[in-house]
All heavy atoms as atom14 arrays in JSON, in Angstrom:
{
  "sequence": "DLSRFVAHRPSVLYWMLQPGAEKEGVGLGVLRMIKPWHEWMLM",
  "atom14_mask": [
    [1, 1, 1, 1, 1, 1, 1, 1, 0, 0, 0, 0, 0, 0],
    [1, 1, 1, 1, 1, 1, 1, 1, 0, 0, 0, 0, 0, 0],
    [1, 1, 1, 1, 1, 1, 0, 0, 0, 0, 0, 0, 0, 0],
    [1, 1, 1, 1, 1, 1, 1, 1, 1, 1, 1, 0, 0, 0],
    [1, 1, 1, 1, 1, 1, 1, 1, 1, 1, 1, 0, 0, 0],
    [1, 1, 1, 1, 1, 1, 1, 0, 0, 0, 0, 0, 0, 0],
    [1, 1, 1, 1, 1, 0, 0, 0, 0, 0, 0, 0, 0, 0],
    [1, 1, 1, 1, 1, 1, 1, 1, 1, 1, 0, 0, 0, 0],
    [1, 1, 1, 1, 1, 1, 1, 1, 1, 1, 1, 0, 0, 0],
    [1, 1, 1, 1, 1, 1, 1, 0, 0, 0, 0, 0, 0, 0],
    [1, 1, 1, 1, 1, 1, 0, 0, 0, 0, 0, 0, 0, 0],
    [1, 1, 1, 1, 1, 1, 1, 0, 0, 0, 0, 0, 0, 0],
    [1, 1, 1, 1, 1, 1, 1, 1, 0, 0, 0, 0, 0, 0],
    [1, 1, 1, 1, 1, 1, 1, 1, 1, 1, 1, 1, 0, 0],
    [1, 1, 1, 1, 1, 1, 1, 1, 1, 1, 1, 1, 1, 1],
    [1, 1, 1, 1, 1, 1, 1, 1, 0, 0, 0, 0, 0, 0],
    [1, 1, 1, 1, 1, 1, 1, 1, 0, 0, 0, 0, 0, 0],
    [1, 1, 1, 1, 1, 1, 1, 1, 1, 0, 0, 0, 0, 0],
    [1, 1, 1, 1, 1, 1, 1, 0, 0, 0, 0, 0, 0, 0],
    [1, 1, 1, 1, 0, 0, 0, 0, 0, 0, 0, 0, 0, 0],
    [1, 1, 1, 1, 1, 0, 0, 0, 0, 0, 0, 0, 0, 0],
    [1, 1, 1, 1, 1, 1, 1, 1, 1, 0, 0, 0, 0, 0],
    [1, 1, 1, 1, 1, 1, 1, 1, 1, 0, 0, 0, 0, 0],
    [1, 1, 1, 1, 1, 1, 1, 1, 1, 0, 0, 0, 0, 0],
    [1, 1, 1, 1, 0, 0, 0, 0, 0, 0, 0, 0, 0, 0],
    [1, 1, 1, 1, 1, 1, 1, 0, 0, 0, 0, 0, 0, 0],
    [1, 1, 1, 1, 0, 0, 0, 0, 0, 0, 0, 0, 0, 0],
    [1, 1, 1, 1, 1, 1, 1, 1, 0, 0, 0, 0, 0, 0],
    [1, 1, 1, 1, 0, 0, 0, 0, 0, 0, 0, 0, 0, 0],
    [1, 1, 1, 1, 1, 1, 1, 0, 0, 0, 0, 0, 0, 0],
    [1, 1, 1, 1, 1, 1, 1, 1, 0, 0, 0, 0, 0, 0],
    [1, 1, 1, 1, 1, 1, 1, 1, 1, 1, 1, 0, 0, 0],
    [1, 1, 1, 1, 1, 1, 1, 1, 0, 0, 0, 0, 0, 0],
    [1, 1, 1, 1, 1, 1, 1, 1, 0, 0, 0, 0, 0, 0],
    [1, 1, 1, 1, 1, 1, 1, 1, 1, 0, 0, 0, 0, 0],
    [1, 1, 1, 1, 1, 1, 1, 0, 0, 0, 0, 0, 0, 0],
    [1, 1, 1, 1, 1, 1, 1, 1, 1, 1, 1, 1, 1, 1],
    [1, 1, 1, 1, 1, 1, 1, 1, 1, 1, 0, 0, 0, 0],
    [1, 1, 1, 1, 1, 1, 1, 1, 1, 0, 0, 0, 0, 0],
    [1, 1, 1, 1, 1, 1, 1, 1, 1, 1, 1, 1, 1, 1],
    [1, 1, 1, 1, 1, 1, 1, 1, 0, 0, 0, 0, 0, 0],
    [1, 1, 1, 1, 1, 1, 1, 1, 0, 0, 0, 0, 0, 0],
    [1, 1, 1, 1, 1, 1, 1, 1, 0, 0, 0, 0, 0, 0]
  ],
  "atom14_positions": [
    [[0.86, -1.18, 0.0], [0.02, 0.0, 0.0], [0.9, 1.24, -0.01], [1.44, 1.62, 1.04], [-0.92, 0.0, 1.23], [-1.85, 1.2, 1.24], [-1.82, 2.01, 0.3], [-2.63, 1.33, 2.21], [0.0, 0.0, 0.0], [0.0, 0.0, 0.0], [0.0, 0.0, 0.0], [0.0, 0.0, 0.0], [0.0, 0.0, 0.0], [0.0, 0.0, 0.0]],
    [[1.04, 1.85, -1.16], [1.85, 3.05, -1.32], [1.0, 4.27, -1.6], [1.5, 5.27, -2.1], [2.88, 2.83, -2.45], [3.82, 1.64, -2.29], [4.76, 1.56, -3.48], [4.61, 1.72, -0.99], [0.0, 0.0, 0.0], [0.0, 0.0, 0.0], [0.0, 0.0, 0.0], [0.0, 0.0, 0.0], [0.0, 0.0, 0.0], [0.0, 0.0, 0.0]],
    [[-0.24, 4.22, -1.25], [-1.18, 5.29, -1.62], [-0.78, 6.64, -1.03], [-1.01, 7.68, -1.65], [-2.61, 4.92, -1.18], [-2.67, 4.64, 0.21], [0.0, 0.0, 0.0], [0.0, 0.0, 0.0], [0.0, 0.0, 0.0], [0.0, 0.0, 0.0], [0.0, 0.0, 0.0], [0.0, 0.0, 0.0], [0.0, 0.0, 0.0], [0.0, 0.0, 0.0]],
    [[-0.16, 6.64, 0.14], [0.18, 7.94, 0.77], [1.27, 8.68, -0.04], [1.41, 9.89, 0.1], [0.66, 7.75, 2.21], [1.96, 7.01, 2.39], [2.19, 6.72, 3.88], [3.5, 6.2, 4.24], [3.84, 4.92, 4.16], [2.97, 4.03, 3.69], [5.06, 4.55, 4.52], [0.0, 0.0, 0.0], [0.0, 0.0, 0.0], [0.0, 0.0, 0.0]],
    [[1.99, 7.97, -0.9], [3.02, 8.6, -1.71], [2.52, 9.02, -3.09], [3.14, 9.86, -3.75], [4.21, 7.64, -1.92], [4.83, 7.16, -0.65], [4.72, 5.83, -0.29], [5.49, 8.03, 0.21], [5.3, 5.36, 0.87], [6.07, 7.58, 1.36], [5.96, 6.26, 1.72], [0.0, 0.0, 0.0], [0.0, 0.0, 0.0], [0.0, 0.0, 0.0]],
    [[1.42, 8.42, -3.55], [1.06, 8.6, -4.96], [-0.38, 8.99, -5.22], [-0.69, 9.48, -6.34], [1.37, 7.3, -5.76], [2.87, 7.03, -5.76], [0.6, 6.11, -5.17], [0.0, 0.0, 0.0], [0.0, 0.0, 0.0], [0.0, 0.0, 0.0], [0.0, 0.0, 0.0], [0.0, 0.0, 0.0], [0.0, 0.0, 0.0], [0.0, 0.0, 0.0]],
    [[-1.3, 8.78, -4.31], [-2.72, 9.01, -4.61], [-2.97, 10.47, -5.02], [-3.89, 10.76, -5.8], [-3.58, 8.61, -3.44], [0.0, 0.0, 0.0], [0.0, 0.0, 0.0], [0.0, 0.0, 0.0], [0.0, 0.0, 0.0], [0.0, 0.0, 0.0], [0.0, 0.0, 0.0], [0.0, 0.0, 0.0], [0.0, 0.0, 0.0], [0.0, 0.0, 0.0]],
    [[-2.16, 11.4, -4.53], [-2.33, 12.81, -4.81], [-1.73, 13.18, -6.19], [-1.96, 14.29, -6.66], [-1.68, 13.67, -3.73], [-0.23, 13.44, -3.58], [0.3, 12.3, -2.98], [0.85, 14.2, -3.93], [1.6, 12.37, -2.98], [1.97, 13.51, -3.55], [0.0, 0.0, 0.0], [0.0, 0.0, 0.0], [0.0, 0.0, 0.0], [0.0, 0.0, 0.0]],
    [[-1.03, 12.28, -6.78], [-0.42, 12.51, -8.11], [-0.52, 11.24, -8.94], [0.47, 10.58, -9.25], [1.06, 12.95, -7.98], [1.86, 12.05, -7.03], [3.32, 12.44, -6.9], [4.0, 11.56, -5.96], [5.28, 11.65, -5.65], [6.03, 12.56, -6.2], [5.81, 10.79, -4.78], [0.0, 0.0, 0.0], [0.0, 0.0, 0.0], [0.0, 0.0, 0.0]],
    [[-1.77, 10.83, -9.25], [-1.98, 9.52, -9.87], [-1.25, 9.39, -11.2], [-1.26, 10.32, -12.03], [-3.5, 9.48, -10.06], [-3.94, 10.91, -10.04], [-3.02, 11.61, -9.11], [0.0, 0.0, 0.0], [0.0, 0.0, 0.0], [0.0, 0.0, 0.0], [0.0, 0.0, 0.0], [0.0, 0.0, 0.0], [0.0, 0.0, 0.0], [0.0, 0.0, 0.0]],
    [[-0.66, 8.24, -11.37], [0.09, 7.98, -12.61], [0.24, 6.47, -12.79], [-0.07, 5.68, -11.86], [1.46, 8.64, -12.53], [2.18, 8.38, -13.74], [0.0, 0.0, 0.0], [0.0, 0.0, 0.0], [0.0, 0.0, 0.0], [0.0, 0.0, 0.0], [0.0, 0.0, 0.0], [0.0, 0.0, 0.0], [0.0, 0.0, 0.0], [0.0, 0.0, 0.0]],
    [[0.76, 6.1, -13.92], [1.1, 4.71, -14.19], [2.58, 4.47, -13.85], [2.96, 3.38, -13.4], [0.86, 4.4, -15.67], [1.32, 2.99, -16.03], [-0.62, 4.58, -15.99], [0.0, 0.0, 0.0], [0.0, 0.0, 0.0], [0.0, 0.0, 0.0], [0.0, 0.0, 0.0], [0.0, 0.0, 0.0], [0.0, 0.0, 0.0], [0.0, 0.0, 0.0]],
    [[3.41, 5.51, -14.06], [4.86, 5.34, -13.97], [5.5, 6.41, -13.09], [5.22, 7.6, -13.24], [5.47, 5.4, -15.38], [5.06, 4.31, -16.38], [5.42, 4.72, -17.8], [5.7, 2.99, -16.01], [0.0, 0.0, 0.0], [0.0, 0.0, 0.0], [0.0, 0.0, 0.0], [0.0, 0.0, 0.0], [0.0, 0.0, 0.0], [0.0, 0.0, 0.0]],
    [[6.4, 5.97, -12.21], [7.2, 6.84, -11.38], [8.64, 6.47, -11.61], [9.06, 5.35, -11.35], [6.79, 6.69, -9.91], [5.33, 7.01, -9.67], [4.35, 6.04, -9.84], [4.93, 8.29, -9.29], [3.0, 6.34, -9.66], [3.59, 8.59, -9.08], [2.62, 7.62, -9.28], [1.3, 7.92, -9.08], [0.0, 0.0, 0.0], [0.0, 0.0, 0.0]],
    [[9.44, 7.45, -12.08], [10.83, 7.22, -12.5], [11.76, 7.76, -11.42], [11.63, 8.92, -10.97], [11.08, 7.93, -13.82], [10.26, 7.37, -14.95], [8.93, 7.58, -15.17], [10.72, 6.55, -16.02], [8.53, 6.92, -16.28], [9.59, 6.28, -16.84], [11.96, 6.01, -16.36], [9.69, 5.5, -17.99], [12.06, 5.23, -17.52], [10.94, 4.95, -18.3]],
    [[12.76, 6.96, -11.06], [13.64, 7.28, -9.92], [15.1, 7.48, -10.37], [15.66, 6.61, -11.03], [13.61, 6.17, -8.89], [12.25, 5.58, -8.61], [11.05, 6.77, -8.03], [9.59, 5.72, -7.87], [0.0, 0.0, 0.0], [0.0, 0.0, 0.0], [0.0, 0.0, 0.0], [0.0, 0.0, 0.0], [0.0, 0.0, 0.0], [0.0, 0.0, 0.0]],
    [[15.68, 8.58, -9.98], [17.08, 8.85, -10.19], [17.83, 8.48, -8.9], [17.8, 9.21, -7.92], [17.32, 10.32, -10.54], [18.74, 10.72, -10.94], [19.23, 9.9, -12.15], [18.81, 12.2, -11.24], [0.0, 0.0, 0.0], [0.0, 0.0, 0.0], [0.0, 0.0, 0.0], [0.0, 0.0, 0.0], [0.0, 0.0, 0.0], [0.0, 0.0, 0.0]],
    [[18.46, 7.32, -8.96], [19.23, 6.78, -7.85], [20.55, 6.27, -8.35], [20.72, 6.01, -9.54], [18.46, 5.63, -7.17], [17.29, 6.02, -6.31], [17.72, 6.52, -4.93], [18.83, 6.29, -4.5], [16.81, 7.24, -4.25], [0.0, 0.0, 0.0], [0.0, 0.0, 0.0], [0.0, 0.0, 0.0], [0.0, 0.0, 0.0], [0.0, 0.0, 0.0]],
    [[21.55, 6.13, -7.49], [22.83, 5.6, -7.95], [22.66, 4.25, -8.68], [22.06, 3.33, -8.15], [23.64, 5.43, -6.66], [23.07, 6.49, -5.75], [21.61, 6.54, -6.06], [0.0, 0.0, 0.0], [0.0, 0.0, 0.0], [0.0, 0.0, 0.0], [0.0, 0.0, 0.0], [0.0, 0.0, 0.0], [0.0, 0.0, 0.0], [0.0, 0.0, 0.0]],
    [[23.16, 4.2, -9.9], [23.07, 2.98, -10.71], [21.81, 2.88, -11.52], [21.64, 1.9, -12.28], [0.0, 0.0, 0.0], [0.0, 0.0, 0.0], [0.0, 0.0, 0.0], [0.0, 0.0, 0.0], [0.0, 0.0, 0.0], [0.0, 0.0, 0.0], [0.0, 0.0, 0.0], [0.0, 0.0, 0.0], [0.0, 0.0, 0.0], [0.0, 0.0, 0.0]],
    [[20.92, 3.86, -11.43], [19.6, 3.74, -12.06], [19.68, 3.75, -13.6], [18.79, 3.17, -14.24], [18.7, 4.89, -11.6], [0.0, 0.0, 0.0], [0.0, 0.0, 0.0], [0.0, 0.0, 0.0], [0.0, 0.0, 0.0], [0.0, 0.0, 0.0], [0.0, 0.0, 0.0], [0.0, 0.0, 0.0], [0.0, 0.0, 0.0], [0.0, 0.0, 0.0]],
    [[20.69, 4.38, -14.15], [20.77, 4.49, -15.62], [21.44, 3.29, -16.27], [21.57, 3.25, -17.49], [21.49, 5.79, -16.0], [23.02, 5.71, -16.03], [23.66, 5.64, -14.65], [22.95, 5.68, -13.63], [24.89, 5.52, -14.59], [0.0, 0.0, 0.0], [0.0, 0.0, 0.0], [0.0, 0.0, 0.0], [0.0, 0.0, 0.0], [0.0, 0.0, 0.0]],
    [[21.85, 2.33, -15.49], [22.57, 1.17, -16.02], [21.61, 0.34, -16.86], [20.72, -0.36, -16.34], [23.16, 0.35, -14.89], [23.99, -0.84, -15.4], [24.34, -1.8, -14.27], [25.22, -1.12, -13.23], [25.62, -2.08, -12.15], [0.0, 0.0, 0.0], [0.0, 0.0, 0.0], [0.0, 0.0, 0.0], [0.0, 0.0, 0.0], [0.0, 0.0, 0.0]],
    [[21.81, 0.37, -18.19], [21.0, -0.39, -19.13], [19.5, -0.28, -18.74], [19.03, 0.81, -18.46], [21.51, -1.84, -19.2], [22.95, -1.87, -19.71], [23.41, -3.24, -20.15], [22.61, -4.15, -20.29], [24.65, -3.4, -20.38], [0.0, 0.0, 0.0], [0.0, 0.0, 0.0], [0.0, 0.0, 0.0], [0.0, 0.0, 0.0], [0.0, 0.0, 0.0]],
    [[18.75, -1.37, -18.65], [17.35, -1.26, -18.28], [16.57, -0.33, -19.19], [16.77, -0.29, -20.4], [0.0, 0.0, 0.0], [0.0, 0.0, 0.0], [0.0, 0.0, 0.0], [0.0, 0.0, 0.0], [0.0, 0.0, 0.0], [0.0, 0.0, 0.0], [0.0, 0.0, 0.0], [0.0, 0.0, 0.0], [0.0, 0.0, 0.0], [0.0, 0.0, 0.0]],
    [[15.7, 0.5, -18.59], [14.87, 1.41, -19.35], [15.25, 2.86, -19.1], [14.51, 3.79, -19.42], [13.36, 1.21, -19.03], [12.91, -0.16, -19.55], [13.08, 1.34, -17.56], [0.0, 0.0, 0.0], [0.0, 0.0, 0.0], [0.0, 0.0, 0.0], [0.0, 0.0, 0.0], [0.0, 0.0, 0.0], [0.0, 0.0, 0.0], [0.0, 0.0, 0.0]],
    [[16.43, 3.11, -18.59], [16.98, 4.44, -18.46], [17.05, 4.97, -17.05], [17.96, 5.72, -16.71], [0.0, 0.0, 0.0], [0.0, 0.0, 0.0], [0.0, 0.0, 0.0], [0.0, 0.0, 0.0], [0.0, 0.0, 0.0], [0.0, 0.0, 0.0], [0.0, 0.0, 0.0], [0.0, 0.0, 0.0], [0.0, 0.0, 0.0], [0.0, 0.0, 0.0]],
    [[16.11, 4.61, -16.21], [16.09, 4.97, -14.78], [15.39, 3.81, -14.04], [14.83, 2.89, -14.65], [15.34, 6.29, -14.54], [15.96, 7.57, -15.05], [15.03, 8.75, -14.79], [17.32, 7.87, -14.44], [0.0, 0.0, 0.0], [0.0, 0.0, 0.0], [0.0, 0.0, 0.0], [0.0, 0.0, 0.0], [0.0, 0.0, 0.0], [0.0, 0.0, 0.0]],
    [[15.44, 3.88, -12.7], [14.6, 2.95, -11.94], [13.15, 3.35, -12.06], [12.81, 4.52, -12.22], [0.0, 0.0, 0.0], [0.0, 0.0, 0.0], [0.0, 0.0, 0.0], [0.0, 0.0, 0.0], [0.0, 0.0, 0.0], [0.0, 0.0, 0.0], [0.0, 0.0, 0.0], [0.0, 0.0, 0.0], [0.0, 0.0, 0.0], [0.0, 0.0, 0.0]],
    [[12.27, 2.34, -12.04], [10.84, 2.63, -12.27], [9.99, 1.86, -11.27], [10.26, 0.68, -10.98], [10.41, 2.23, -13.69], [8.9, 2.42, -13.88], [11.16, 3.04, -14.72], [0.0, 0.0, 0.0], [0.0, 0.0, 0.0], [0.0, 0.0, 0.0], [0.0, 0.0, 0.0], [0.0, 0.0, 0.0], [0.0, 0.0, 0.0], [0.0, 0.0, 0.0]],
    [[8.97, 2.51, -10.73], [7.85, 1.84, -10.09], [6.63, 2.05, -10.94], [6.21, 3.19, -11.17], [7.64, 2.36, -8.67], [8.64, 1.93, -7.62], [8.38, 2.63, -6.29], [8.59, 0.4, -7.42], [0.0, 0.0, 0.0], [0.0, 0.0, 0.0], [0.0, 0.0, 0.0], [0.0, 0.0, 0.0], [0.0, 0.0, 0.0], [0.0, 0.0, 0.0]],
    [[6.08, 0.95, -11.42], [4.93, 1.0, -12.3], [3.69, 0.53, -11.54], [3.71, -0.55, -10.93], [5.15, 0.12, -13.52], [3.96, 0.1, -14.48], [4.06, -1.06, -15.45], [2.81, -1.81, -15.46], [2.67, -3.04, -15.96], [3.71, -3.67, -16.45], [1.5, -3.64, -15.91], [0.0, 0.0, 0.0], [0.0, 0.0, 0.0], [0.0, 0.0, 0.0]],
    [[2.66, 1.32, -11.59], [1.42, 0.95, -10.97], [0.74, -0.15, -11.78], [0.61, -0.05, -13.01], [0.49, 2.16, -10.88], [-0.89, 1.89, -10.26], [-2.11, 1.27, -11.48], [-2.27, 2.67, -12.55], [0.0, 0.0, 0.0], [0.0, 0.0, 0.0], [0.0, 0.0, 0.0], [0.0, 0.0, 0.0], [0.0, 0.0, 0.0], [0.0, 0.0, 0.0]],
    [[0.29, -1.18, -11.11], [-0.49, -2.24, -11.76], [-1.95, -2.09, -11.36], [-2.85, -2.04, -12.23], [0.03, -3.65, -11.39], [1.45, -3.83, -11.88], [-0.89, -4.73, -11.96], [2.13, -5.08, -11.39], [0.0, 0.0, 0.0], [0.0, 0.0, 0.0], [0.0, 0.0, 0.0], [0.0, 0.0, 0.0], [0.0, 0.0, 0.0], [0.0, 0.0, 0.0]],
    [[-2.21, -1.97, -10.06], [-3.54, -1.65, -9.56], [-3.39, -0.55, -8.51], [-2.61, -0.69, -7.57], [-4.2, -2.88, -8.94], [-4.56, -3.99, -9.95], [-5.24, -5.16, -9.28], [-5.57, -6.26, -10.3], [-6.17, -7.44, -9.63], [0.0, 0.0, 0.0], [0.0, 0.0, 0.0], [0.0, 0.0, 0.0], [0.0, 0.0, 0.0], [0.0, 0.0, 0.0]],
    [[-4.16, 0.51, -8.68], [-3.97, 1.64, -7.75], [-4.38, 1.22, -6.32], [-5.47, 0.64, -6.18], [-4.94, 2.7, -8.27], [-5.37, 2.22, -9.64], [-5.22, 0.76, -9.67], [0.0, 0.0, 0.0], [0.0, 0.0, 0.0], [0.0, 0.0, 0.0], [0.0, 0.0, 0.0], [0.0, 0.0, 0.0], [0.0, 0.0, 0.0], [0.0, 0.0, 0.0]],
    [[-3.64, 1.55, -5.36], [-2.22, 1.9, -5.33], [-1.49, 0.87, -4.49], [-0.74, 1.18, -3.62], [-2.04, 3.32, -4.78], [-2.88, 4.3, -5.52], [-4.0, 4.92, -5.12], [-2.6, 4.8, -6.83], [-4.49, 5.76, -6.09], [-3.65, 5.72, -7.17], [-1.62, 4.58, -7.81], [-3.7, 6.38, -8.4], [-1.68, 5.24, -9.0], [-2.71, 6.13, -9.29]],
    [[-1.86, -0.39, -4.77], [-1.38, -1.45, -3.88], [-0.7, -2.61, -4.63], [-0.21, -3.54, -3.98], [-2.54, -2.02, -3.03], [-3.65, -2.59, -3.85], [-3.63, -3.87, -4.35], [-4.81, -2.02, -4.27], [-4.74, -4.07, -5.03], [-5.48, -2.96, -5.0], [0.0, 0.0, 0.0], [0.0, 0.0, 0.0], [0.0, 0.0, 0.0], [0.0, 0.0, 0.0]],
    [[-0.64, -2.57, -5.96], [0.1, -3.59, -6.69], [1.05, -2.9, -7.68], [0.62, -1.99, -8.41], [-0.83, -4.53, -7.45], [-0.1, -5.71, -8.05], [-1.05, -6.74, -8.66], [-2.27, -6.58, -8.57], [-0.53, -7.72, -9.24], [0.0, 0.0, 0.0], [0.0, 0.0, 0.0], [0.0, 0.0, 0.0], [0.0, 0.0, 0.0], [0.0, 0.0, 0.0]],
    [[2.3, -3.34, -7.7], [3.36, -2.6, -8.38], [4.32, -3.52, -9.09], [4.46, -4.71, -8.75], [4.17, -1.78, -7.35], [3.33, -0.78, -6.62], [2.59, -1.01, -5.47], [3.07, 0.58, -6.99], [1.92, 0.13, -5.12], [2.2, 1.12, -6.02], [3.52, 1.36, -8.04], [1.75, 2.42, -6.09], [3.08, 2.68, -8.1], [2.22, 3.2, -7.15]],
    [[4.98, -2.95, -10.09], [6.11, -3.59, -10.71], [7.34, -2.71, -10.56], [7.29, -1.51, -10.9], [5.88, -3.88, -12.21], [7.12, -4.52, -12.89], [6.91, -4.78, -14.67], [5.83, -6.19, -14.68], [0.0, 0.0, 0.0], [0.0, 0.0, 0.0], [0.0, 0.0, 0.0], [0.0, 0.0, 0.0], [0.0, 0.0, 0.0], [0.0, 0.0, 0.0]],
    [[8.39, -3.26, -10.02], [9.67, -2.55, -9.9], [10.55, -2.94, -11.07], [10.73, -4.14, -11.36], [10.33, -2.92, -8.56], [11.63, -2.21, -8.18], [11.81, -2.27, -6.64], [12.86, -2.81, -8.84], [0.0, 0.0, 0.0], [0.0, 0.0, 0.0], [0.0, 0.0, 0.0], [0.0, 0.0, 0.0], [0.0, 0.0, 0.0], [0.0, 0.0, 0.0]],
    [[11.1, -1.95, -11.76], [12.03, -2.22, -12.86], [13.39, -1.58, -12.55], [13.45, -0.4, -12.17], [11.47, -1.67, -14.2], [10.3, -2.48, -14.73], [9.71, -1.92, -16.35], [8.61, -0.58, -15.85], [0.0, 0.0, 0.0], [0.0, 0.0, 0.0], [0.0, 0.0, 0.0], [0.0, 0.0, 0.0], [0.0, 0.0, 0.0], [0.0, 0.0, 0.0]]
  ]
}
């Protein structure tokens, strides 16, 4: 349940700039919403 972080700014994708985030993959770290706001995919 991550609703307290995202319900006020609903989206499908949240992109994170963290050390190592740009290494291959899709360009940055990502938390993708699957079902609001309690099921997620981390990339």
